[in-house]
Amino acid sequence: AKGCPLGPKLPAGGPLSCSRSLFMLGIGEVGLTELDGEALPSSLGWLIAPQNEISVVRNPSRLGGVRKLMLSHNQLDAFAAERLIDAIPALEMLRLACNRLETIPPAVFSHARLSWLAIGGNPYAQRQVDVALASS
C-alpha cells in the first residue's frame, strides 16, 4: 500500500491485526506517525514501512517474529528504535537509514542473527563521516 493515506496510525485490533497468515507487509509513504504492534499481525516476518513520519512505537513485543525490519526515512530516535529492536529477538535485517538517531541503539549489538544494518543519513552517521574527513 504505497502512497495510500492510512495514517497517522493503524487501528489496534483492526483488520491487519487479524490477518493471521500475513508474512510480508509493505506500508510505505502512507502517512503513519505511530507504529503499534497491536495493529499488525503477529505472523509478520517482514515489515517494510519506509517514508512515513513514524516517531512513536507502541506494543513492540507483538512484532517479535519479524526478521526483516525496514523503517528508513521516518522520524525514529534512538529510544524508540531501541524499544522496537529489543522486542524482536530474531532480527536479521535492519534498515534505519535517514531517521533521527543520535546514537546506535545498544540493542543492535545483542542480535546474533543480525547480518544487515543500514544507519546512514542519521545525525550519528553524519558525525562519524565528519570526524573521518577532519582527520584525513
C-alpha atoms as a PDB file:
ATOM      1  CA  ALA A   1       0.000   0.000   0.000  1.00  0.00           C
ATOM      2  CA  LYS A   2       2.424   2.652  -1.184  1.00  0.00           C
ATOM      3  CA  GLY A   3       1.155   6.194  -1.204  1.00  0.00           C
ATOM      4  CA  CYS A   4      -2.368   5.381   0.021  1.00  0.00           C
ATOM      5  CA  PRO A   5      -3.088   7.517   3.087  1.00  0.00           C
ATOM      6  CA  LEU A   6      -3.622   5.205   6.059  1.00  0.00           C
ATOM      7  CA  GLY A   7      -2.188   7.264   8.920  1.00  0.00           C
ATOM      8  CA  PRO A   8      -1.429   8.776  11.284  1.00  0.00           C
ATOM      9  CA  LYS A   9      -1.844   5.335  12.871  1.00  0.00           C
ATOM     10  CA  LEU A  10      -3.360   1.974  12.089  1.00  0.00           C
ATOM     11  CA  PRO A  11      -6.184   0.920  14.431  1.00  0.00           C
ATOM     12  CA  ALA A  12      -5.203  -1.526  17.174  1.00  0.00           C
ATOM     13  CA  GLY A  13      -7.236  -4.695  16.693  1.00  0.00           C
ATOM     14  CA  GLY A  14      -8.106  -3.613  13.143  1.00  0.00           C
ATOM     15  CA  PRO A  15      -8.272  -5.782  10.022  1.00  0.00           C
ATOM     16  CA  LEU A  16      -4.496  -6.068   9.582  1.00  0.00           C
ATOM     17  CA  SER A  17      -4.039  -7.447  13.088  1.00  0.00           C
ATOM     18  CA  CYS A  18      -6.451 -10.280  12.244  1.00  0.00           C
ATOM     19  CA  SER A  19      -4.553 -11.390   9.117  1.00  0.00           C
ATOM     20  CA  ARG A  20      -3.001 -14.468  10.709  1.00  0.00           C
ATOM     21  CA  SER A  21      -1.141 -15.698   7.633  1.00  0.00           C
ATOM     22  CA  LEU A  22       0.308 -12.346   6.531  1.00  0.00           C
ATOM     23  CA  PHE A  23       4.116 -12.653   6.482  1.00  0.00           C
ATOM     24  CA  MET A  24       5.259  -9.609   4.463  1.00  0.00           C
ATOM     25  CA  LEU A  25       3.731  -6.171   4.806  1.00  0.00           C
ATOM     26  CA  GLY A  26       4.717  -3.052   2.879  1.00  0.00           C
ATOM     27  CA  ILE A  27       3.191   0.200   4.105  1.00  0.00           C
ATOM     28  CA  GLY A  28       5.491   2.872   2.724  1.00  0.00           C
ATOM     29  CA  GLU A  29       4.502   6.506   2.200  1.00  0.00           C
ATOM     30  CA  VAL A  30       1.125   6.122   3.884  1.00  0.00           C
ATOM     31  CA  GLY A  31       1.342   8.934   6.435  1.00  0.00           C
ATOM     32  CA  LEU A  32       1.975   6.893   9.580  1.00  0.00           C
ATOM     33  CA  THR A  33       3.320   8.708  12.629  1.00  0.00           C
ATOM     34  CA  GLU A  34       2.925   5.773  15.027  1.00  0.00           C
ATOM     35  CA  LEU A  35       3.767   2.093  14.778  1.00  0.00           C
ATOM     36  CA  ASP A  36       1.602  -0.024  17.083  1.00  0.00           C
ATOM     37  CA  GLY A  37       2.253  -3.755  17.251  1.00  0.00           C
ATOM     38  CA  GLU A  38      -1.385  -4.296  18.248  1.00  0.00           C
ATOM     39  CA  ALA A  39      -2.440  -3.025  14.811  1.00  0.00           C
ATOM     40  CA  LEU A  40      -0.296  -5.592  12.983  1.00  0.00           C
ATOM     41  CA  PRO A  41      -0.474  -9.377  12.721  1.00  0.00           C
ATOM     42  CA  SER A  42       1.820 -11.379  14.996  1.00  0.00           C
ATOM     43  CA  SER A  43       2.669 -13.561  11.972  1.00  0.00           C
ATOM     44  CA  LEU A  44       4.792 -10.852  10.322  1.00  0.00           C
ATOM     45  CA  GLY A  45       8.290 -11.820   9.236  1.00  0.00           C
ATOM     46  CA  TRP A  46       8.965  -8.729   7.120  1.00  0.00           C
ATOM     47  CA  LEU A  47       7.781  -5.231   7.990  1.00  0.00           C
ATOM     48  CA  ILE A  48       8.529  -2.591   5.371  1.00  0.00           C
ATOM     49  CA  ALA A  49       7.352   0.917   6.304  1.00  0.00           C
ATOM     50  CA  PRO A  50       9.707   3.496   4.781  1.00  0.00           C
ATOM     51  CA  GLN A  51       8.995   7.143   4.074  1.00  0.00           C
ATOM     52  CA  ASN A  52       6.409   7.751   6.744  1.00  0.00           C
ATOM     53  CA  GLU A  53       6.736  10.041   9.763  1.00  0.00           C
ATOM     54  CA  ILE A  54       6.941   7.291  12.393  1.00  0.00           C
ATOM     55  CA  SER A  55       8.318   8.595  15.690  1.00  0.00           C
ATOM     56  CA  VAL A  56       6.274   6.598  18.218  1.00  0.00           C
ATOM     57  CA  VAL A  57       6.450   2.829  18.793  1.00  0.00           C
ATOM     58  CA  ARG A  58       3.795   1.065  20.891  1.00  0.00           C
ATOM     59  CA  ASN A  59       3.423  -2.610  21.825  1.00  0.00           C
ATOM     60  CA  PRO A  60       6.595  -3.741  20.036  1.00  0.00           C
ATOM     61  CA  SER A  61       6.521  -7.216  21.619  1.00  0.00           C
ATOM     62  CA  ARG A  62       3.757  -8.217  19.207  1.00  0.00           C
ATOM     63  CA  LEU A  63       6.337  -7.906  16.416  1.00  0.00           C
ATOM     64  CA  GLY A  64       8.641 -10.498  17.976  1.00  0.00           C
ATOM     65  CA  GLY A  65       8.614 -12.711  14.871  1.00  0.00           C
ATOM     66  CA  VAL A  66       9.873 -10.028  12.491  1.00  0.00           C
ATOM     67  CA  ARG A  67      13.179 -10.922  10.824  1.00  0.00           C
ATOM     68  CA  LYS A  68      13.447  -8.069   8.334  1.00  0.00           C
ATOM     69  CA  LEU A  69      12.575  -4.579   9.522  1.00  0.00           C
ATOM     70  CA  MET A  70      12.797  -1.630   7.140  1.00  0.00           C
ATOM     71  CA  LEU A  71      11.920   1.748   8.619  1.00  0.00           C
ATOM     72  CA  SER A  72      14.134   4.126   6.657  1.00  0.00           C
ATOM     73  CA  HIS A  73      13.091   7.746   6.109  1.00  0.00           C
ATOM     74  CA  ASN A  74      10.986   8.081   9.256  1.00  0.00           C
ATOM     75  CA  GLN A  75      11.417  10.143  12.441  1.00  0.00           C
ATOM     76  CA  LEU A  76      12.638   7.475  14.872  1.00  0.00           C
ATOM     77  CA  ASP A  77      15.043   8.494  17.612  1.00  0.00           C
ATOM     78  CA  ALA A  78      17.381   6.055  19.371  1.00  0.00           C
ATOM     79  CA  PHE A  79      14.948   5.495  22.263  1.00  0.00           C
ATOM     80  CA  ALA A  80      12.034   4.453  20.023  1.00  0.00           C
ATOM     81  CA  ALA A  81      14.325   2.326  17.855  1.00  0.00           C
ATOM     82  CA  GLU A  82      15.796   0.650  20.952  1.00  0.00           C
ATOM     83  CA  ARG A  83      12.342  -0.359  22.241  1.00  0.00           C
ATOM     84  CA  LEU A  84      11.490  -1.874  18.886  1.00  0.00           C
ATOM     85  CA  ILE A  85      14.805  -3.643  18.263  1.00  0.00           C
ATOM     86  CA  ASP A  86      14.917  -5.033  21.792  1.00  0.00           C
ATOM     87  CA  ALA A  87      11.485  -6.651  21.316  1.00  0.00           C
ATOM     88  CA  ILE A  88      12.491  -8.519  18.152  1.00  0.00           C
ATOM     89  CA  PRO A  89      14.854 -11.394  19.070  1.00  0.00           C
ATOM     90  CA  ALA A  90      15.153 -12.971  15.600  1.00  0.00           C
ATOM     91  CA  LEU A  91      16.077  -9.778  13.752  1.00  0.00           C
ATOM     92  CA  GLU A  92      18.298 -10.463  10.711  1.00  0.00           C
ATOM     93  CA  MET A  93      17.995  -7.254   8.682  1.00  0.00           C
ATOM     94  CA  LEU A  94      17.518  -3.716   9.992  1.00  0.00           C
ATOM     95  CA  ARG A  95      17.217  -0.595   7.889  1.00  0.00           C
ATOM     96  CA  LEU A  96      17.014   2.609   9.929  1.00  0.00           C
ATOM     97  CA  ALA A  97      18.674   4.964   7.454  1.00  0.00           C
ATOM     98  CA  CYS A  98      17.522   8.587   7.400  1.00  0.00           C
ATOM     99  CA  ASN A  99      15.861   8.791  10.801  1.00  0.00           C
ATOM    100  CA  ARG A 100      16.859  10.853  13.859  1.00  0.00           C
ATOM    101  CA  LEU A 101      19.342   8.501  15.507  1.00  0.00           C
ATOM    102  CA  GLU A 102      21.909  10.387  17.594  1.00  0.00           C
ATOM    103  CA  THR A 103      23.446   7.039  18.660  1.00  0.00           C
ATOM    104  CA  ILE A 104      23.270   3.454  17.519  1.00  0.00           C
ATOM    105  CA  PRO A 105      20.660   1.768  19.731  1.00  0.00           C
ATOM    106  CA  PRO A 106      22.577  -0.648  22.024  1.00  0.00           C
ATOM    107  CA  ALA A 107      20.076  -3.454  21.319  1.00  0.00           C
ATOM    108  CA  VAL A 108      21.549  -3.683  17.807  1.00  0.00           C
ATOM    109  CA  PHE A 109      24.662  -5.316  19.276  1.00  0.00           C
ATOM    110  CA  SER A 110      22.720  -8.060  21.076  1.00  0.00           C
ATOM    111  CA  HIS A 111      21.296  -9.689  17.940  1.00  0.00           C
ATOM    112  CA  ALA A 112      23.423 -12.669  16.947  1.00  0.00           C
ATOM    113  CA  ARG A 113      21.465 -13.177  13.700  1.00  0.00           C
ATOM    114  CA  LEU A 114      21.614  -9.542  12.561  1.00  0.00           C
ATOM    115  CA  SER A 115      23.622  -9.626   9.329  1.00  0.00           C
ATOM    116  CA  TRP A 116      22.484  -6.429   7.575  1.00  0.00           C
ATOM    117  CA  LEU A 117      22.322  -2.956   9.109  1.00  0.00           C
ATOM    118  CA  ALA A 118      21.746   0.409   7.409  1.00  0.00           C
ATOM    119  CA  ILE A 119      22.028   3.570   9.533  1.00  0.00           C
ATOM    120  CA  GLY A 120      23.355   6.162   7.072  1.00  0.00           C
ATOM    121  CA  GLY A 121      21.656   9.523   6.851  1.00  0.00           C
ATOM    122  CA  ASN A 122      21.195   9.818  10.618  1.00  0.00           C
ATOM    123  CA  PRO A 123      22.855  12.500  12.780  1.00  0.00           C
ATOM    124  CA  TYR A 124      25.080   9.772  14.296  1.00  0.00           C
ATOM    125  CA  ALA A 125      26.368   8.625  10.910  1.00  0.00           C
ATOM    126  CA  GLN A 126      26.979  12.184   9.728  1.00  0.00           C
ATOM    127  CA  ARG A 127      29.108  12.902  12.808  1.00  0.00           C
ATOM    128  CA  GLN A 128      31.201   9.815  12.051  1.00  0.00           C
ATOM    129  CA  VAL A 129      31.742  10.999   8.471  1.00  0.00           C
ATOM    130  CA  ASP A 130      32.659  14.498   9.668  1.00  0.00           C
ATOM    131  CA  VAL A 131      35.225  13.083  12.129  1.00  0.00           C
ATOM    132  CA  ALA A 132      36.729  10.837   9.467  1.00  0.00           C
ATOM    133  CA  LEU A 133      37.017  13.708   6.970  1.00  0.00           C
ATOM    134  CA  ALA A 134      38.517  16.043   9.552  1.00  0.00           C
ATOM    135  CA  SER A 135      41.245  13.547  10.421  1.00  0.00           C
ATOM    136  CA  SER A 136      42.216  12.737   6.824  1.00  0.00           C
END
